Amino acid sequence: MTVVDDVLSIRGLRDYRLGDDGVVRPGFVNRTLRLSDIERAWFLVEPFPALPIQGFKSVAHTYFVFDVRDQPPITVSIEARRERGEAFNVGNGLLNQFELMYIWATEEDTTIKRVLDQDNDVYMFPLLIPKESVVRLVERLAATTAELERKPRFYNSFTSNCTSELAMAANSVRPGAIPVSIAWWLPGYSVDQLYELGYIPHDRPLEEVRSRYYISGIVRQIHADPEFSARLRASLTDEPTPP
């Protein structure tokens, strides 16, 4: 991955697809885009049940989606690198048993696959931040990805997880943008924090906002449409305009 002047080049953008037979097939593509063509950012949340505790909603995975003018969106998901046959475990994550990886992928890979293959709930919130900040955020994420290629780090469930890494990237763009809070370690609370900070729509009660930006239902309906990304966004159009 390189950034030269205004051009971001991604070699091996992950593009896993779920086939009609229900089998996920791996794939990778190369993408080149101008940073100035990045139009907006979305914050996605994928809650997980914390069994055997019922109603405990603090466990989740979070990731970014970036819209690009005249190109399909790109996504960035920060995860633990697992070896074949190795399952994720929070305890092992606390003990630095996994390497940290920044996955750059297509929307079909990260969002459609999570909904259809893993049958998970996903929420997609528009981030109400200026375009300049979105571009700088992508630059920061790209720089960190390149740094990890040169000097790998461990994933840590407490200090270097999906949400704390995203928050630190945001704070590198604008210091203090995301204050340290419980949401850094319990990502299920990240929506609450962004709502309070005004980074996602906050013109109605939080639970109404959650309901408005729940996308699993529409993803199941339109996942096979060649215009999937455009139709998904068309269903989420009544949010406030970013500054």
C-alpha atoms as a PDB file:
ATOM      1  CA  MET A   1       0.000   0.000   0.000  1.00  0.00           C
ATOM      2  CA  THR A   2       1.359   3.394  -0.984  1.00  0.00           C
ATOM      3  CA  VAL A   3       0.257   7.015  -0.970  1.00  0.00           C
ATOM      4  CA  VAL A   4       2.043   9.229  -3.483  1.00  0.00           C
ATOM      5  CA  ASP A   5       0.846  12.795  -3.707  1.00  0.00           C
ATOM      6  CA  ASP A   6      -2.931  12.430  -4.055  1.00  0.00           C
ATOM      7  CA  VAL A   7      -2.959   8.777  -5.146  1.00  0.00           C
ATOM      8  CA  LEU A   8      -3.651   5.797  -2.887  1.00  0.00           C
ATOM      9  CA  SER A   9      -2.655   2.433  -4.380  1.00  0.00           C
ATOM     10  CA  ILE A  10      -3.942  -0.721  -2.708  1.00  0.00           C
ATOM     11  CA  ARG A  11      -2.444  -3.998  -3.808  1.00  0.00           C
ATOM     12  CA  GLY A  12      -4.507  -6.994  -2.766  1.00  0.00           C
ATOM     13  CA  LEU A  13      -7.734  -5.345  -1.646  1.00  0.00           C
ATOM     14  CA  ARG A  14      -9.629  -8.285  -0.136  1.00  0.00           C
ATOM     15  CA  ASP A  15     -12.767  -9.251  -2.044  1.00  0.00           C
ATOM     16  CA  TYR A  16     -14.220 -12.425  -0.558  1.00  0.00           C
ATOM     17  CA  ARG A  17     -17.636 -13.195  -2.055  1.00  0.00           C
ATOM     18  CA  LEU A  18     -20.492 -15.430  -0.936  1.00  0.00           C
ATOM     19  CA  GLY A  19     -21.625 -17.602  -3.847  1.00  0.00           C
ATOM     20  CA  ASP A  20     -25.153 -18.718  -4.628  1.00  0.00           C
ATOM     21  CA  ASP A  21     -24.181 -22.110  -3.186  1.00  0.00           C
ATOM     22  CA  GLY A  22     -23.463 -20.512   0.196  1.00  0.00           C
ATOM     23  CA  VAL A  23     -19.694 -20.962  -0.093  1.00  0.00           C
ATOM     24  CA  VAL A  24     -17.392 -18.006   0.585  1.00  0.00           C
ATOM     25  CA  ARG A  25     -14.709 -17.760  -2.083  1.00  0.00           C
ATOM     26  CA  PRO A  26     -11.534 -15.748  -1.553  1.00  0.00           C
ATOM     27  CA  GLY A  27     -10.522 -13.030  -3.948  1.00  0.00           C
ATOM     28  CA  PHE A  28      -8.257 -10.001  -4.172  1.00  0.00           C
ATOM     29  CA  VAL A  29      -8.208  -6.993  -6.473  1.00  0.00           C
ATOM     30  CA  ASN A  30      -5.905  -4.017  -6.941  1.00  0.00           C
ATOM     31  CA  ARG A  31      -7.330  -0.522  -6.594  1.00  0.00           C
ATOM     32  CA  THR A  32      -5.973   2.952  -7.269  1.00  0.00           C
ATOM     33  CA  LEU A  33      -7.875   6.064  -6.275  1.00  0.00           C
ATOM     34  CA  ARG A  34      -7.356   9.736  -5.679  1.00  0.00           C
ATOM     35  CA  LEU A  35      -7.677  10.805  -2.071  1.00  0.00           C
ATOM     36  CA  SER A  36      -9.532  13.875  -3.284  1.00  0.00           C
ATOM     37  CA  ASP A  37     -12.213  11.541  -4.677  1.00  0.00           C
ATOM     38  CA  ILE A  38     -13.068  10.163  -1.229  1.00  0.00           C
ATOM     39  CA  GLU A  39     -16.461  11.643  -0.457  1.00  0.00           C
ATOM     40  CA  ARG A  40     -17.571  10.474   2.968  1.00  0.00           C
ATOM     41  CA  ALA A  41     -17.120   7.952   5.792  1.00  0.00           C
ATOM     42  CA  TRP A  42     -19.459   5.523   7.513  1.00  0.00           C
ATOM     43  CA  PHE A  43     -19.048   3.851  10.913  1.00  0.00           C
ATOM     44  CA  LEU A  44     -20.308   0.281  11.043  1.00  0.00           C
ATOM     45  CA  VAL A  45     -21.071  -1.714  14.167  1.00  0.00           C
ATOM     46  CA  GLU A  46     -21.596  -5.468  14.367  1.00  0.00           C
ATOM     47  CA  PRO A  47     -22.813  -6.431  17.875  1.00  0.00           C
ATOM     48  CA  PHE A  48     -22.093  -9.864  19.295  1.00  0.00           C
ATOM     49  CA  PRO A  49     -23.985 -11.719  22.049  1.00  0.00           C
ATOM     50  CA  ALA A  50     -21.908 -12.125  25.192  1.00  0.00           C
ATOM     51  CA  LEU A  51     -23.233 -15.494  26.280  1.00  0.00           C
ATOM     52  CA  PRO A  52     -24.111 -16.665  28.873  1.00  0.00           C
ATOM     53  CA  ILE A  53     -24.934 -13.088  29.939  1.00  0.00           C
ATOM     54  CA  GLN A  54     -28.282 -12.104  28.463  1.00  0.00           C
ATOM     55  CA  GLY A  55     -28.787  -8.512  27.348  1.00  0.00           C
ATOM     56  CA  PHE A  56     -25.095  -7.595  27.616  1.00  0.00           C
ATOM     57  CA  LYS A  57     -24.632  -5.403  24.559  1.00  0.00           C
ATOM     58  CA  SER A  58     -21.121  -4.080  25.037  1.00  0.00           C
ATOM     59  CA  VAL A  59     -19.331  -6.576  22.758  1.00  0.00           C
ATOM     60  CA  ALA A  60     -19.116  -5.618  19.090  1.00  0.00           C
ATOM     61  CA  HIS A  61     -16.877  -5.227  16.077  1.00  0.00           C
ATOM     62  CA  THR A  62     -16.514  -1.845  14.394  1.00  0.00           C
ATOM     63  CA  TYR A  63     -15.085  -0.770  11.051  1.00  0.00           C
ATOM     64  CA  PHE A  64     -15.085   2.087   8.521  1.00  0.00           C
ATOM     65  CA  VAL A  65     -16.491   2.319   5.008  1.00  0.00           C
ATOM     66  CA  PHE A  66     -15.374   5.115   2.687  1.00  0.00           C
ATOM     67  CA  ASP A  67     -17.313   6.264  -0.363  1.00  0.00           C
ATOM     68  CA  VAL A  68     -15.223   7.053  -3.445  1.00  0.00           C
ATOM     69  CA  ARG A  69     -16.420   9.142  -6.388  1.00  0.00           C
ATOM     70  CA  ASP A  70     -17.080   6.980  -9.475  1.00  0.00           C
ATOM     71  CA  GLN A  71     -15.689   3.873  -7.749  1.00  0.00           C
ATOM     72  CA  PRO A  72     -17.060   1.240  -5.367  1.00  0.00           C
ATOM     73  CA  PRO A  73     -16.565   1.948  -1.650  1.00  0.00           C
ATOM     74  CA  ILE A  74     -13.555   0.657   0.279  1.00  0.00           C
ATOM     75  CA  THR A  75     -13.651  -0.636   3.835  1.00  0.00           C
ATOM     76  CA  VAL A  76     -11.084  -0.814   6.632  1.00  0.00           C
ATOM     77  CA  SER A  77     -11.515  -3.399   9.378  1.00  0.00           C
ATOM     78  CA  ILE A  78      -8.942  -3.817  12.161  1.00  0.00           C
ATOM     79  CA  GLU A  79      -8.774  -7.376  13.418  1.00  0.00           C
ATOM     80  CA  ALA A  80      -6.710 -10.106  15.031  1.00  0.00           C
ATOM     81  CA  ARG A  81      -4.766 -12.161  12.516  1.00  0.00           C
ATOM     82  CA  ARG A  82      -5.740 -15.773  13.111  1.00  0.00           C
ATOM     83  CA  GLU A  83      -3.938 -18.798  11.753  1.00  0.00           C
ATOM     84  CA  ARG A  84      -5.865 -21.492   9.927  1.00  0.00           C
ATOM     85  CA  GLY A  85      -8.184 -23.284  12.359  1.00  0.00           C
ATOM     86  CA  GLU A  86      -7.550 -20.761  15.118  1.00  0.00           C
ATOM     87  CA  ALA A  87     -10.605 -19.192  16.771  1.00  0.00           C
ATOM     88  CA  PHE A  88     -10.642 -15.736  18.308  1.00  0.00           C
ATOM     89  CA  ASN A  89     -10.687 -15.619  22.089  1.00  0.00           C
ATOM     90  CA  VAL A  90     -10.802 -12.413  24.139  1.00  0.00           C
ATOM     91  CA  GLY A  91      -8.554 -13.925  26.789  1.00  0.00           C
ATOM     92  CA  ASN A  92      -5.897 -14.842  24.234  1.00  0.00           C
ATOM     93  CA  GLY A  93      -6.301 -11.372  22.787  1.00  0.00           C
ATOM     94  CA  LEU A  94      -5.388  -9.904  26.152  1.00  0.00           C
ATOM     95  CA  LEU A  95      -2.267 -12.079  26.181  1.00  0.00           C
ATOM     96  CA  ASN A  96      -1.017 -10.855  22.790  1.00  0.00           C
ATOM     97  CA  GLN A  97      -1.581 -14.194  21.080  1.00  0.00           C
ATOM     98  CA  PHE A  98      -2.620 -12.637  17.751  1.00  0.00           C
ATOM     99  CA  GLU A  99      -0.931 -10.230  15.361  1.00  0.00           C
ATOM    100  CA  LEU A 100      -2.733  -7.009  14.504  1.00  0.00           C
ATOM    101  CA  MET A 101      -3.910  -6.534  10.930  1.00  0.00           C
ATOM    102  CA  TYR A 102      -5.636  -3.765   9.006  1.00  0.00           C
ATOM    103  CA  ILE A 103      -7.900  -5.349   6.395  1.00  0.00           C
ATOM    104  CA  TRP A 104      -8.708  -3.192   3.364  1.00  0.00           C
ATOM    105  CA  ALA A 105     -11.591  -4.778   1.506  1.00  0.00           C
ATOM    106  CA  THR A 106     -14.655  -4.346  -0.659  1.00  0.00           C
ATOM    107  CA  GLU A 107     -18.088  -3.704   0.799  1.00  0.00           C
ATOM    108  CA  GLU A 108     -19.215  -7.095  -0.488  1.00  0.00           C
ATOM    109  CA  ASP A 109     -16.470  -8.686   1.587  1.00  0.00           C
ATOM    110  CA  THR A 110     -16.965  -6.918   4.893  1.00  0.00           C
ATOM    111  CA  THR A 111     -20.657  -6.065   4.999  1.00  0.00           C
ATOM    112  CA  ILE A 112     -22.540  -8.524   2.786  1.00  0.00           C
ATOM    113  CA  LYS A 113     -20.513 -11.471   4.065  1.00  0.00           C
ATOM    114  CA  ARG A 114     -21.125 -10.516   7.702  1.00  0.00           C
ATOM    115  CA  VAL A 115     -24.873 -10.350   7.162  1.00  0.00           C
ATOM    116  CA  LEU A 116     -25.459 -13.314   4.879  1.00  0.00           C
ATOM    117  CA  ASP A 117     -22.705 -15.755   5.773  1.00  0.00           C
ATOM    118  CA  GLN A 118     -22.382 -14.990   9.485  1.00  0.00           C
ATOM    119  CA  ASP A 119     -26.025 -13.945   9.981  1.00  0.00           C
ATOM    120  CA  ASN A 120     -25.051 -10.968  12.133  1.00  0.00           C
ATOM    121  CA  ASP A 121     -26.757  -7.667  12.779  1.00  0.00           C
ATOM    122  CA  VAL A 122     -24.967  -4.676  11.276  1.00  0.00           C
ATOM    123  CA  TYR A 123     -25.581  -0.947  11.740  1.00  0.00           C
ATOM    124  CA  MET A 124     -24.208   1.665   9.315  1.00  0.00           C
ATOM    125  CA  PHE A 125     -23.987   5.223  10.629  1.00  0.00           C
ATOM    126  CA  PRO A 126     -22.924   8.205   8.503  1.00  0.00           C
ATOM    127  CA  LEU A 127     -20.044  10.082  10.102  1.00  0.00           C
ATOM    128  CA  LEU A 128     -20.774  13.791  10.258  1.00  0.00           C
ATOM    129  CA  ILE A 129     -17.246  15.037   9.729  1.00  0.00           C
ATOM    130  CA  PRO A 130     -15.798  17.316   7.015  1.00  0.00           C
ATOM    131  CA  LYS A 131     -14.457  15.743   3.839  1.00  0.00           C
ATOM    132  CA  GLU A 132     -10.982  17.049   4.674  1.00  0.00           C
ATOM    133  CA  SER A 133     -11.037  15.032   7.898  1.00  0.00           C
ATOM    134  CA  VAL A 134     -12.243  11.937   6.030  1.00  0.00           C
ATOM    135  CA  VAL A 135      -9.322  12.191   3.604  1.00  0.00           C
ATOM    136  CA  ARG A 136      -6.821  12.681   6.414  1.00  0.00           C
ATOM    137  CA  LEU A 137      -8.324   9.688   8.233  1.00  0.00           C
ATOM    138  CA  VAL A 138      -7.788   7.470   5.194  1.00  0.00           C
ATOM    139  CA  GLU A 139      -4.213   8.759   4.919  1.00  0.00           C
ATOM    140  CA  ARG A 140      -3.575   7.911   8.580  1.00  0.00           C
ATOM    141  CA  LEU A 141      -5.029   4.412   8.229  1.00  0.00           C
ATOM    142  CA  ALA A 142      -2.946   3.807   5.100  1.00  0.00           C
ATOM    143  CA  ALA A 143       0.205   5.004   6.863  1.00  0.00           C
ATOM    144  CA  THR A 144      -0.432   2.728   9.842  1.00  0.00           C
ATOM    145  CA  THR A 145      -1.055  -0.210   7.499  1.00  0.00           C
ATOM    146  CA  ALA A 146       2.298   0.410   5.823  1.00  0.00           C
ATOM    147  CA  GLU A 147       3.978   0.699   9.230  1.00  0.00           C
ATOM    148  CA  LEU A 148       2.562  -2.691  10.258  1.00  0.00           C
ATOM    149  CA  GLU A 149       4.022  -4.257   7.128  1.00  0.00           C
ATOM    150  CA  ARG A 150       7.458  -3.067   8.228  1.00  0.00           C
ATOM    151  CA  LYS A 151       7.041  -3.578  11.959  1.00  0.00           C
ATOM    152  CA  PRO A 152       4.213  -5.932  13.028  1.00  0.00           C
ATOM    153  CA  ARG A 153       2.390  -5.368  16.307  1.00  0.00           C
ATOM    154  CA  PHE A 154       0.188  -7.557  18.459  1.00  0.00           C
ATOM    155  CA  TYR A 155      -3.566  -7.280  18.604  1.00  0.00           C
ATOM    156  CA  ASN A 156      -4.631  -6.681  22.191  1.00  0.00           C
ATOM    157  CA  SER A 157      -8.248  -6.881  23.337  1.00  0.00           C
ATOM    158  CA  PHE A 158      -7.621  -3.946  25.689  1.00  0.00           C
ATOM    159  CA  THR A 159      -5.065  -1.632  24.103  1.00  0.00           C
ATOM    160  CA  SER A 160      -5.100  -2.404  20.351  1.00  0.00           C
ATOM    161  CA  ASN A 161      -8.523  -3.618  19.293  1.00  0.00           C
ATOM    162  CA  CYS A 162     -10.829  -2.751  16.407  1.00  0.00           C
ATOM    163  CA  THR A 163     -12.269   0.352  18.074  1.00  0.00           C
ATOM    164  CA  SER A 164      -9.317   1.725  20.029  1.00  0.00           C
ATOM    165  CA  GLU A 165      -7.211   1.661  16.842  1.00  0.00           C
ATOM    166  CA  LEU A 166      -9.911   3.561  14.935  1.00  0.00           C
ATOM    167  CA  ALA A 167     -10.187   6.096  17.763  1.00  0.00           C
ATOM    168  CA  MET A 168      -6.433   6.616  17.831  1.00  0.00           C
ATOM    169  CA  ALA A 169      -6.443   7.175  14.080  1.00  0.00           C
ATOM    170  CA  ALA A 170      -9.162   9.798  14.497  1.00  0.00           C
ATOM    171  CA  ASN A 171      -7.195  11.474  17.272  1.00  0.00           C
ATOM    172  CA  SER A 172      -4.101  11.621  15.081  1.00  0.00           C
ATOM    173  CA  VAL A 173      -6.179  13.625  12.592  1.00  0.00           C
ATOM    174  CA  ARG A 174      -7.684  15.883  15.234  1.00  0.00           C
ATOM    175  CA  PRO A 175      -6.221  15.546  18.734  1.00  0.00           C
ATOM    176  CA  GLY A 176      -8.878  14.897  21.344  1.00  0.00           C
ATOM    177  CA  ALA A 177     -11.564  14.102  18.782  1.00  0.00           C
ATOM    178  CA  ILE A 178     -12.460  10.818  20.530  1.00  0.00           C
ATOM    179  CA  PRO A 179     -11.799  11.049  24.286  1.00  0.00           C
ATOM    180  CA  VAL A 180     -10.701   7.867  26.013  1.00  0.00           C
ATOM    181  CA  SER A 181     -13.787   6.097  27.353  1.00  0.00           C
ATOM    182  CA  ILE A 182     -15.192   2.656  28.070  1.00  0.00           C
ATOM    183  CA  ALA A 183     -16.126   2.458  24.375  1.00  0.00           C
ATOM    184  CA  TRP A 184     -12.461   1.963  23.503  1.00  0.00           C
ATOM    185  CA  TRP A 185     -12.516  -1.425  25.276  1.00  0.00           C
ATOM    186  CA  LEU A 186     -16.197  -2.324  25.011  1.00  0.00           C
ATOM    187  CA  PRO A 187     -17.025  -1.343  21.424  1.00  0.00           C
ATOM    188  CA  GLY A 188     -20.749  -1.881  21.909  1.00  0.00           C
ATOM    189  CA  TYR A 189     -20.722   1.531  23.603  1.00  0.00           C
ATOM    190  CA  SER A 190     -19.045   3.243  20.654  1.00  0.00           C
ATOM    191  CA  VAL A 191     -22.366   4.318  19.138  1.00  0.00           C
ATOM    192  CA  ASP A 192     -23.350   5.973  22.427  1.00  0.00           C
ATOM    193  CA  GLN A 193     -20.090   7.925  22.482  1.00  0.00           C
ATOM    194  CA  LEU A 194     -20.283   9.052  18.850  1.00  0.00           C
ATOM    195  CA  TYR A 195     -23.906  10.096  19.377  1.00  0.00           C
ATOM    196  CA  GLU A 196     -22.985  12.195  22.399  1.00  0.00           C
ATOM    197  CA  LEU A 197     -20.081  13.788  20.502  1.00  0.00           C
ATOM    198  CA  GLY A 198     -22.277  14.610  17.515  1.00  0.00           C
ATOM    199  CA  TYR A 199     -20.342  12.501  15.004  1.00  0.00           C
ATOM    200  CA  ILE A 200     -23.405  10.503  13.947  1.00  0.00           C
ATOM    201  CA  PRO A 201     -26.964  11.785  13.462  1.00  0.00           C
ATOM    202  CA  HIS A 202     -28.358  12.994  16.784  1.00  0.00           C
ATOM    203  CA  ASP A 203     -31.567  14.756  15.760  1.00  0.00           C
ATOM    204  CA  ARG A 204     -33.711  12.056  17.392  1.00  0.00           C
ATOM    205  CA  PRO A 205     -33.434   9.712  20.405  1.00  0.00           C
ATOM    206  CA  LEU A 206     -30.513   7.292  20.248  1.00  0.00           C
ATOM    207  CA  GLU A 207     -32.653   4.174  19.968  1.00  0.00           C
ATOM    208  CA  GLU A 208     -34.453   5.689  16.985  1.00  0.00           C
ATOM    209  CA  VAL A 209     -31.094   6.442  15.401  1.00  0.00           C
ATOM    210  CA  ARG A 210     -30.001   2.840  15.929  1.00  0.00           C
ATOM    211  CA  SER A 211     -33.181   1.578  14.326  1.00  0.00           C
ATOM    212  CA  ARG A 212     -32.838   4.002  11.409  1.00  0.00           C
ATOM    213  CA  TYR A 213     -29.367   2.775  10.522  1.00  0.00           C
ATOM    214  CA  TYR A 214     -29.892  -0.950  10.996  1.00  0.00           C
ATOM    215  CA  ILE A 215     -28.994  -2.409   7.589  1.00  0.00           C
ATOM    216  CA  SER A 216     -29.098  -6.214   7.840  1.00  0.00           C
ATOM    217  CA  GLY A 217     -32.653  -6.386   6.526  1.00  0.00           C
ATOM    218  CA  ILE A 218     -32.010  -4.290   3.424  1.00  0.00           C
ATOM    219  CA  VAL A 219     -28.667  -6.056   2.802  1.00  0.00           C
ATOM    220  CA  ARG A 220     -30.487  -9.401   2.655  1.00  0.00           C
ATOM    221  CA  GLN A 221     -32.951  -7.946   0.145  1.00  0.00           C
ATOM    222  CA  ILE A 222     -30.521  -6.283  -2.270  1.00  0.00           C
ATOM    223  CA  HIS A 223     -27.205  -8.125  -1.819  1.00  0.00           C
ATOM    224  CA  ALA A 224     -27.262  -9.562  -5.362  1.00  0.00           C
ATOM    225  CA  ASP A 225     -28.028  -6.221  -7.029  1.00  0.00           C
ATOM    226  CA  PRO A 226     -25.148  -4.867  -9.175  1.00  0.00           C
ATOM    227  CA  GLU A 227     -26.029  -1.452  -7.717  1.00  0.00           C
ATOM    228  CA  PHE A 228     -25.903  -2.740  -4.146  1.00  0.00           C
ATOM    229  CA  SER A 229     -23.839   0.106  -2.687  1.00  0.00           C
ATOM    230  CA  ALA A 230     -25.914   2.837  -4.315  1.00  0.00           C
ATOM    231  CA  ARG A 231     -29.208   1.249  -3.259  1.00  0.00           C
ATOM    232  CA  LEU A 232     -27.992   0.739   0.287  1.00  0.00           C
ATOM    233  CA  ARG A 233     -27.107   4.418   0.578  1.00  0.00           C
ATOM    234  CA  ALA A 234     -30.381   5.458  -1.014  1.00  0.00           C
ATOM    235  CA  SER A 235     -32.123   3.746   1.900  1.00  0.00           C
ATOM    236  CA  LEU A 236     -30.132   5.909   4.342  1.00  0.00           C
ATOM    237  CA  THR A 237     -30.617   9.362   2.888  1.00  0.00           C
ATOM    238  CA  ASP A 238     -32.440  11.393   5.531  1.00  0.00           C
ATOM    239  CA  GLU A 239     -29.437  12.082   7.750  1.00  0.00           C
ATOM    240  CA  PRO A 240     -28.088  15.596   8.363  1.00  0.00           C
ATOM    241  CA  THR A 241     -25.533  16.899   5.862  1.00  0.00           C
ATOM    242  CA  PRO A 242     -21.910  16.836   7.064  1.00  0.00           C
ATOM    243  CA  PRO A 243     -20.364  20.279   7.624  1.00  0.00           C
END
